[in-house]
PDB file of N, CA and C in Angstrom:
ATOM      1  N   MET A   1       1.338  -1.458  -0.067  1.00  0.00           N
ATOM      2  CA  MET A   1      -0.272   0.271  -0.048  1.00  0.00           C
ATOM      3  C   MET A   1       0.976   1.494  -0.088  1.00  0.00           C
ATOM      4  N   ALA A   2       2.098   1.396  -0.008  1.00  0.00           N
ATOM      5  CA  ALA A   2       2.869   1.748   0.251  1.00  0.00           C
ATOM      6  C   ALA A   2       3.117   2.863  -1.244  1.00  0.00           C
ATOM      7  N   ASP A   3       3.265   1.836  -2.508  1.00  0.00           N
ATOM      8  CA  ASP A   3       3.016   2.731  -2.991  1.00  0.00           C
ATOM      9  C   ASP A   3       2.386   2.973  -3.964  1.00  0.00           C
ATOM     10  N   GLU A   4       1.178   2.954  -3.622  1.00  0.00           N
ATOM     11  CA  GLU A   4      -0.328   3.157  -3.834  1.00  0.00           C
ATOM     12  C   GLU A   4      -0.349   4.815  -3.399  1.00  0.00           C
ATOM     13  N   GLU A   5      -0.899   5.185  -4.875  1.00  0.00           N
ATOM     14  CA  GLU A   5      -1.055   7.506  -4.335  1.00  0.00           C
ATOM     15  C   GLU A   5      -2.194   7.963  -4.089  1.00  0.00           C
ATOM     16  N   LYS A   6      -2.300   8.611  -3.758  1.00  0.00           N
ATOM     17  CA  LYS A   6      -3.534   8.928  -2.804  1.00  0.00           C
ATOM     18  C   LYS A   6      -4.234   9.684  -3.562  1.00  0.00           C
ATOM     19  N   ARG A   7      -5.128   9.011  -4.355  1.00  0.00           N
ATOM     20  CA  ARG A   7      -6.375   9.441  -5.669  1.00  0.00           C
ATOM     21  C   ARG A   7      -7.299  10.879  -4.712  1.00  0.00           C
ATOM     22  N   ASP A   8      -7.210  11.634  -5.027  1.00  0.00           N
ATOM     23  CA  ASP A   8      -8.847  12.943  -4.869  1.00  0.00           C
ATOM     24  C   ASP A   8      -9.561  12.769  -6.158  1.00  0.00           C
ATOM     25  N   ASP A   9      -9.836  12.053  -6.663  1.00  0.00           N
ATOM     26  CA  ASP A   9     -10.227  12.570  -7.993  1.00  0.00           C
ATOM     27  C   ASP A   9     -11.504  12.324  -7.720  1.00  0.00           C
ATOM     28  N   LYS A  10     -12.783  13.109  -8.229  1.00  0.00           N
ATOM     29  CA  LYS A  10     -13.750  13.443  -8.323  1.00  0.00           C
ATOM     30  C   LYS A  10     -15.570  12.313  -8.887  1.00  0.00           C
ATOM     31  N   LEU A  11     -15.794  11.947  -8.988  1.00  0.00           N
ATOM     32  CA  LEU A  11     -16.905  12.017 -10.359  1.00  0.00           C
ATOM     33  C   LEU A  11     -18.362  12.166 -10.662  1.00  0.00           C
ATOM     34  N   LEU A  12     -18.349  12.553 -11.796  1.00  0.00           N
ATOM     35  CA  LEU A  12     -19.404  13.113 -12.424  1.00  0.00           C
ATOM     36  C   LEU A  12     -20.496  12.248 -13.413  1.00  0.00           C
ATOM     37  N   VAL A  13     -21.452  11.946 -12.674  1.00  0.00           N
ATOM     38  CA  VAL A  13     -22.414  11.304 -13.479  1.00  0.00           C
ATOM     39  C   VAL A  13     -23.252  12.174 -14.329  1.00  0.00           C
ATOM     40  N   LEU A  14     -23.344  11.519 -15.712  1.00  0.00           N
ATOM     41  CA  LEU A  14     -23.390  12.590 -16.879  1.00  0.00           C
ATOM     42  C   LEU A  14     -24.853  11.903 -17.382  1.00  0.00           C
ATOM     43  N   PRO A  15     -26.168  12.907 -17.715  1.00  0.00           N
ATOM     44  CA  PRO A  15     -27.273  11.839 -17.764  1.00  0.00           C
ATOM     45  C   PRO A  15     -27.067  11.380 -19.309  1.00  0.00           C
ATOM     46  N   LEU A  16     -27.500  10.969 -19.806  1.00  0.00           N
ATOM     47  CA  LEU A  16     -27.870  10.504 -21.600  1.00  0.00           C
ATOM     48  C   LEU A  16     -28.835  10.818 -21.882  1.00  0.00           C
ATOM     49  N   GLY A  17     -28.138  11.571 -23.130  1.00  0.00           N
ATOM     50  CA  GLY A  17     -29.383  12.309 -24.265  1.00  0.00           C
ATOM     51  C   GLY A  17     -28.233  13.735 -24.151  1.00  0.00           C
ATOM     52  N   GLU A  18     -29.211  14.483 -25.244  1.00  0.00           N
ATOM     53  CA  GLU A  18     -28.495  15.876 -25.997  1.00  0.00           C
ATOM     54  C   GLU A  18     -27.711  16.713 -23.825  1.00  0.00           C
ATOM     55  N   GLU A  19     -27.735  17.001 -22.935  1.00  0.00           N
ATOM     56  CA  GLU A  19     -27.912  17.601 -22.539  1.00  0.00           C
ATOM     57  C   GLU A  19     -25.967  17.162 -21.926  1.00  0.00           C
ATOM     58  N   SER A  20     -26.022  16.451 -21.847  1.00  0.00           N
ATOM     59  CA  SER A  20     -24.476  15.740 -21.531  1.00  0.00           C
ATOM     60  C   SER A  20     -23.878  16.262 -22.823  1.00  0.00           C
ATOM     61  N   LYS A  21     -23.926  16.751 -23.730  1.00  0.00           N
ATOM     62  CA  LYS A  21     -23.353  16.479 -24.579  1.00  0.00           C
ATOM     63  C   LYS A  21     -22.757  18.365 -24.922  1.00  0.00           C
ATOM     64  N   LEU A  22     -23.582  19.298 -23.975  1.00  0.00           N
ATOM     65  CA  LEU A  22     -23.126  20.665 -23.521  1.00  0.00           C
ATOM     66  C   LEU A  22     -21.871  20.700 -22.756  1.00  0.00           C
ATOM     67  N   ILE A  23     -22.353  19.666 -21.552  1.00  0.00           N
ATOM     68  CA  ILE A  23     -21.781  18.737 -20.631  1.00  0.00           C
ATOM     69  C   ILE A  23     -20.232  18.571 -20.888  1.00  0.00           C
ATOM     70  N   THR A  24     -20.045  17.551 -21.426  1.00  0.00           N
ATOM     71  CA  THR A  24     -18.741  17.242 -21.927  1.00  0.00           C
ATOM     72  C   THR A  24     -18.064  17.861 -22.946  1.00  0.00           C
ATOM     73  N   GLN A  25     -18.665  18.727 -23.663  1.00  0.00           N
ATOM     74  CA  GLN A  25     -18.693  20.128 -24.333  1.00  0.00           C
ATOM     75  C   GLN A  25     -17.423  21.571 -23.386  1.00  0.00           C
ATOM     76  N   THR A  26     -18.158  21.332 -22.551  1.00  0.00           N
ATOM     77  CA  THR A  26     -17.219  22.555 -21.114  1.00  0.00           C
ATOM     78  C   THR A  26     -16.487  21.855 -20.913  1.00  0.00           C
ATOM     79  N   ILE A  27     -16.769  20.021 -20.001  1.00  0.00           N
ATOM     80  CA  ILE A  27     -14.980  20.384 -19.156  1.00  0.00           C
ATOM     81  C   ILE A  27     -14.339  19.367 -20.070  1.00  0.00           C
ATOM     82  N   ALA A  28     -14.762  19.589 -21.376  1.00  0.00           N
ATOM     83  CA  ALA A  28     -13.219  19.392 -22.021  1.00  0.00           C
ATOM     84  C   ALA A  28     -12.454  20.524 -22.062  1.00  0.00           C
ATOM     85  N   ASN A  29     -12.801  21.285 -21.886  1.00  0.00           N
ATOM     86  CA  ASN A  29     -11.880  22.476 -21.815  1.00  0.00           C
ATOM     87  C   ASN A  29     -10.991  23.047 -20.084  1.00  0.00           C
ATOM     88  N   ASP A  30      -9.430  22.633 -20.781  1.00  0.00           N
ATOM     89  CA  ASP A  30      -8.941  22.705 -19.194  1.00  0.00           C
ATOM     90  C   ASP A  30      -9.524  23.240 -18.176  1.00  0.00           C
ATOM     91  N   THR A  31      -8.993  24.984 -18.746  1.00  0.00           N
ATOM     92  CA  THR A  31      -9.538  25.707 -17.973  1.00  0.00           C
ATOM     93  C   THR A  31     -10.622  25.534 -16.844  1.00  0.00           C
ATOM     94  N   ALA A  32     -11.741  25.511 -17.910  1.00  0.00           N
ATOM     95  CA  ALA A  32     -13.201  25.655 -17.230  1.00  0.00           C
ATOM     96  C   ALA A  32     -12.984  23.976 -15.876  1.00  0.00           C
ATOM     97  N   ARG A  33     -12.312  22.910 -16.469  1.00  0.00           N
ATOM     98  CA  ARG A  33     -12.582  21.449 -15.867  1.00  0.00           C
ATOM     99  C   ARG A  33     -11.789  22.046 -14.804  1.00  0.00           C
ATOM    100  N   GLN A  34     -10.997  22.710 -14.283  1.00  0.00           N
ATOM    101  CA  GLN A  34      -9.534  23.264 -13.545  1.00  0.00           C
ATOM    102  C   GLN A  34     -10.454  24.325 -12.348  1.00  0.00           C
ATOM    103  N   ILE A  35     -11.613  24.782 -13.203  1.00  0.00           N
ATOM    104  CA  ILE A  35     -12.771  25.554 -11.813  1.00  0.00           C
ATOM    105  C   ILE A  35     -13.498  24.974 -12.329  1.00  0.00           C
ATOM    106  N   LEU A  36     -13.881  24.019 -12.272  1.00  0.00           N
ATOM    107  CA  LEU A  36     -15.203  22.812 -11.695  1.00  0.00           C
ATOM    108  C   LEU A  36     -14.590  22.557 -10.075  1.00  0.00           C
ATOM    109  N   GLU A  37     -13.069  22.047 -10.394  1.00  0.00           N
ATOM    110  CA  GLU A  37     -12.467  21.532  -9.209  1.00  0.00           C
ATOM    111  C   GLU A  37     -11.951  21.951  -8.426  1.00  0.00           C
ATOM    112  N   LEU A  38     -11.755  23.027  -8.957  1.00  0.00           N
ATOM    113  CA  LEU A  38     -11.867  24.514  -7.633  1.00  0.00           C
ATOM    114  C   LEU A  38     -12.967  24.981  -6.788  1.00  0.00           C
ATOM    115  N   LEU A  39     -14.661  24.672  -7.236  1.00  0.00           N
ATOM    116  CA  LEU A  39     -14.928  25.382  -6.677  1.00  0.00           C
ATOM    117  C   LEU A  39     -16.011  23.615  -6.470  1.00  0.00           C
ATOM    118  N   ALA A  40     -15.437  22.632  -6.531  1.00  0.00           N
ATOM    119  CA  ALA A  40     -15.665  21.541  -6.281  1.00  0.00           C
ATOM    120  C   ALA A  40     -15.260  21.353  -4.318  1.00  0.00           C
ATOM    121  N   GLU A  41     -14.791  22.116  -3.702  1.00  0.00           N
ATOM    122  CA  GLU A  41     -13.844  22.855  -2.443  1.00  0.00           C
ATOM    123  C   GLU A  41     -14.897  23.430  -1.416  1.00  0.00           C
ATOM    124  N   GLY A  42     -15.717  24.567  -3.121  1.00  0.00           N
ATOM    125  CA  GLY A  42     -16.037  25.563  -1.883  1.00  0.00           C
ATOM    126  C   GLY A  42     -16.601  26.043  -3.303  1.00  0.00           C
ATOM    127  N   ALA A  43     -17.173  27.181  -2.656  1.00  0.00           N
ATOM    128  CA  ALA A  43     -18.062  28.283  -3.121  1.00  0.00           C
ATOM    129  C   ALA A  43     -16.502  28.872  -3.187  1.00  0.00           C
ATOM    130  N   MET A  44     -16.486  30.395  -3.955  1.00  0.00           N
ATOM    131  CA  MET A  44     -15.120  31.548  -4.727  1.00  0.00           C
ATOM    132  C   MET A  44     -16.015  32.688  -5.953  1.00  0.00           C
ATOM    133  N   SER A  45     -15.421  33.824  -5.573  1.00  0.00           N
ATOM    134  CA  SER A  45     -16.011  34.482  -5.870  1.00  0.00           C
ATOM    135  C   SER A  45     -14.864  33.932  -7.793  1.00  0.00           C
ATOM    136  N   THR A  46     -15.568  34.851  -8.616  1.00  0.00           N
ATOM    137  CA  THR A  46     -14.444  34.462 -10.130  1.00  0.00           C
ATOM    138  C   THR A  46     -13.144  35.272 -10.025  1.00  0.00           C
ATOM    139  N   SER A  47     -13.328  36.346  -9.360  1.00  0.00           N
ATOM    140  CA  SER A  47     -12.122  37.205  -8.469  1.00  0.00           C
ATOM    141  C   SER A  47     -11.023  36.235  -8.251  1.00  0.00           C
ATOM    142  N   ALA A  48     -11.610  35.635  -7.131  1.00  0.00           N
ATOM    143  CA  ALA A  48     -10.909  34.420  -6.036  1.00  0.00           C
ATOM    144  C   ALA A  48     -10.013  33.279  -7.700  1.00  0.00           C
ATOM    145  N   ILE A  49     -11.283  33.103  -8.410  1.00  0.00           N
ATOM    146  CA  ILE A  49     -11.020  31.740  -8.555  1.00  0.00           C
ATOM    147  C   ILE A  49      -9.888  32.034 -10.501  1.00  0.00           C
ATOM    148  N   ALA A  50      -9.449  33.788 -10.745  1.00  0.00           N
ATOM    149  CA  ALA A  50      -8.648  33.437 -11.495  1.00  0.00           C
ATOM    150  C   ALA A  50      -7.645  34.128 -10.907  1.00  0.00           C
ATOM    151  N   LYS A  51      -7.717  34.274  -9.200  1.00  0.00           N
ATOM    152  CA  LYS A  51      -6.038  34.668  -8.922  1.00  0.00           C
ATOM    153  C   LYS A  51      -5.669  33.252  -8.753  1.00  0.00           C
ATOM    154  N   LYS A  52      -6.326  32.288  -8.379  1.00  0.00           N
ATOM    155  CA  LYS A  52      -6.212  31.776  -8.152  1.00  0.00           C
ATOM    156  C   LYS A  52      -5.005  30.662  -9.364  1.00  0.00           C
ATOM    157  N   LEU A  53      -6.130  30.848 -10.017  1.00  0.00           N
ATOM    158  CA  LEU A  53      -5.609  29.947 -11.550  1.00  0.00           C
ATOM    159  C   LEU A  53      -5.064  30.388 -12.094  1.00  0.00           C
ATOM    160  N   ASP A  54      -4.610  31.997 -11.180  1.00  0.00           N
ATOM    161  CA  ASP A  54      -3.591  33.150 -12.332  1.00  0.00           C
ATOM    162  C   ASP A  54      -3.596  33.084 -13.399  1.00  0.00           C
ATOM    163  N   ILE A  55      -4.709  33.435 -13.528  1.00  0.00           N
ATOM    164  CA  ILE A  55      -5.823  33.272 -15.078  1.00  0.00           C
ATOM    165  C   ILE A  55      -6.224  34.981 -15.125  1.00  0.00           C
ATOM    166  N   PRO A  56      -6.739  35.801 -16.500  1.00  0.00           N
ATOM    167  CA  PRO A  56      -7.515  37.064 -16.790  1.00  0.00           C
ATOM    168  C   PRO A  56      -8.400  36.569 -16.283  1.00  0.00           C
ATOM    169  N   LEU A  57      -8.975  37.487 -15.562  1.00  0.00           N
ATOM    170  CA  LEU A  57     -10.069  37.884 -15.170  1.00  0.00           C
ATOM    171  C   LEU A  57     -12.242  37.042 -16.548  1.00  0.00           C
ATOM    172  N   THR A  58     -11.142  38.314 -17.063  1.00  0.00           N
ATOM    173  CA  THR A  58     -11.732  37.991 -17.949  1.00  0.00           C
ATOM    174  C   THR A  58     -12.184  36.426 -18.718  1.00  0.00           C
ATOM    175  N   THR A  59     -11.034  35.614 -18.597  1.00  0.00           N
ATOM    176  CA  THR A  59     -11.538  33.930 -18.973  1.00  0.00           C
ATOM    177  C   THR A  59     -11.695  33.076 -17.607  1.00  0.00           C
ATOM    178  N   ALA A  60     -11.588  34.570 -16.512  1.00  0.00           N
ATOM    179  CA  ALA A  60     -12.249  32.912 -15.593  1.00  0.00           C
ATOM    180  C   ALA A  60     -13.603  33.050 -15.767  1.00  0.00           C
ATOM    181  N   GLN A  61     -14.366  34.909 -16.103  1.00  0.00           N
ATOM    182  CA  GLN A  61     -15.774  34.542 -16.204  1.00  0.00           C
ATOM    183  C   GLN A  61     -16.012  33.929 -17.273  1.00  0.00           C
ATOM    184  N   TYR A  62     -15.743  34.049 -18.753  1.00  0.00           N
ATOM    185  CA  TYR A  62     -16.606  33.150 -19.503  1.00  0.00           C
ATOM    186  C   TYR A  62     -16.681  32.066 -19.181  1.00  0.00           C
ATOM    187  N   ASN A  63     -15.837  30.824 -18.063  1.00  0.00           N
ATOM    188  CA  ASN A  63     -15.717  29.815 -18.582  1.00  0.00           C
ATOM    189  C   ASN A  63     -15.741  29.664 -16.899  1.00  0.00           C
ATOM    190  N   VAL A  64     -16.889  29.961 -16.146  1.00  0.00           N
ATOM    191  CA  VAL A  64     -17.484  30.255 -15.296  1.00  0.00           C
ATOM    192  C   VAL A  64     -19.594  30.075 -16.142  1.00  0.00           C
ATOM    193  N   GLU A  65     -19.194  31.251 -17.071  1.00  0.00           N
ATOM    194  CA  GLU A  65     -20.714  31.720 -17.789  1.00  0.00           C
ATOM    195  C   GLU A  65     -21.351  29.781 -18.351  1.00  0.00           C
ATOM    196  N   LYS A  66     -19.844  29.508 -18.786  1.00  0.00           N
ATOM    197  CA  LYS A  66     -19.972  28.255 -19.694  1.00  0.00           C
ATOM    198  C   LYS A  66     -20.626  26.771 -19.132  1.00  0.00           C
ATOM    199  N   LEU A  67     -19.921  27.148 -17.638  1.00  0.00           N
ATOM    200  CA  LEU A  67     -20.044  26.451 -16.340  1.00  0.00           C
ATOM    201  C   LEU A  67     -21.827  26.270 -15.566  1.00  0.00           C
ATOM    202  N   ILE A  68     -22.222  27.072 -15.835  1.00  0.00           N
ATOM    203  CA  ILE A  68     -23.127  27.892 -15.218  1.00  0.00           C
ATOM    204  C   ILE A  68     -24.790  27.536 -16.341  1.00  0.00           C
ATOM    205  N   GLU A  69     -23.822  27.491 -18.333  1.00  0.00           N
ATOM    206  CA  GLU A  69     -25.326  27.464 -18.755  1.00  0.00           C
ATOM    207  C   GLU A  69     -24.555  25.771 -19.197  1.00  0.00           C
ATOM    208  N   ALA A  70     -24.006  24.725 -18.415  1.00  0.00           N
ATOM    209  CA  ALA A  70     -24.183  23.434 -18.887  1.00  0.00           C
ATOM    210  C   ALA A  70     -24.506  22.762 -17.913  1.00  0.00           C
ATOM    211  N   GLY A  71     -25.291  23.883 -16.771  1.00  0.00           N
ATOM    212  CA  GLY A  71     -25.938  23.656 -15.832  1.00  0.00           C
ATOM    213  C   GLY A  71     -24.457  22.474 -14.097  1.00  0.00           C
ATOM    214  N   LEU A  72     -23.550  22.699 -14.329  1.00  0.00           N
ATOM    215  CA  LEU A  72     -22.793  22.399 -13.772  1.00  0.00           C
ATOM    216  C   LEU A  72     -22.389  23.227 -12.272  1.00  0.00           C
ATOM    217  N   VAL A  73     -22.523  24.649 -12.390  1.00  0.00           N
ATOM    218  CA  VAL A  73     -22.956  25.434 -11.211  1.00  0.00           C
ATOM    219  C   VAL A  73     -23.025  26.380 -10.677  1.00  0.00           C
ATOM    220  N   VAL A  74     -23.875  27.052 -10.275  1.00  0.00           N
ATOM    221  CA  VAL A  74     -25.031  27.776  -9.632  1.00  0.00           C
ATOM    222  C   VAL A  74     -24.692  28.204  -8.971  1.00  0.00           C
ATOM    223  N   VAL A  75     -24.629  30.460  -9.085  1.00  0.00           N
ATOM    224  CA  VAL A  75     -24.588  31.685  -8.120  1.00  0.00           C
ATOM    225  C   VAL A  75     -25.433  31.481  -6.925  1.00  0.00           C
ATOM    226  N   GLU A  76     -24.796  31.312  -6.691  1.00  0.00           N
ATOM    227  CA  GLU A  76     -24.967  31.940  -4.773  1.00  0.00           C
ATOM    228  C   GLU A  76     -25.664  33.153  -4.714  1.00  0.00           C
ATOM    229  N   LYS A  77     -24.428  34.101  -4.550  1.00  0.00           N
ATOM    230  CA  LYS A  77     -25.117  35.589  -4.365  1.00  0.00           C
ATOM    231  C   LYS A  77     -23.206  36.004  -5.859  1.00  0.00           C
ATOM    232  N   THR A  78     -24.396  37.469  -5.680  1.00  0.00           N
ATOM    233  CA  THR A  78     -23.576  38.387  -6.596  1.00  0.00           C
ATOM    234  C   THR A  78     -23.815  39.868  -5.490  1.00  0.00           C
ATOM    235  N   LYS A  79     -22.109  40.469  -5.832  1.00  0.00           N
ATOM    236  CA  LYS A  79     -22.328  41.804  -5.065  1.00  0.00           C
ATOM    237  C   LYS A  79     -22.692  43.163  -6.431  1.00  0.00           C
TER     238      LYS A  79
END
């Protein structure tokens, strides 16, 4: 067991049908997938996401919007 790596893989169950196409297209994007992994740990603002991933705010905003459209992320609150 000492040679085994600890895995923190997260599981995403997809519906069969048209909605799965949008979901798979969205998570095929590396940045969107990184954002989704961050948000799986807890809620974050878009600016915090951009800072944590060292990406432009506009890139974070674009990918968060795509995750919202795919139904993978919901907005808790806005300022």
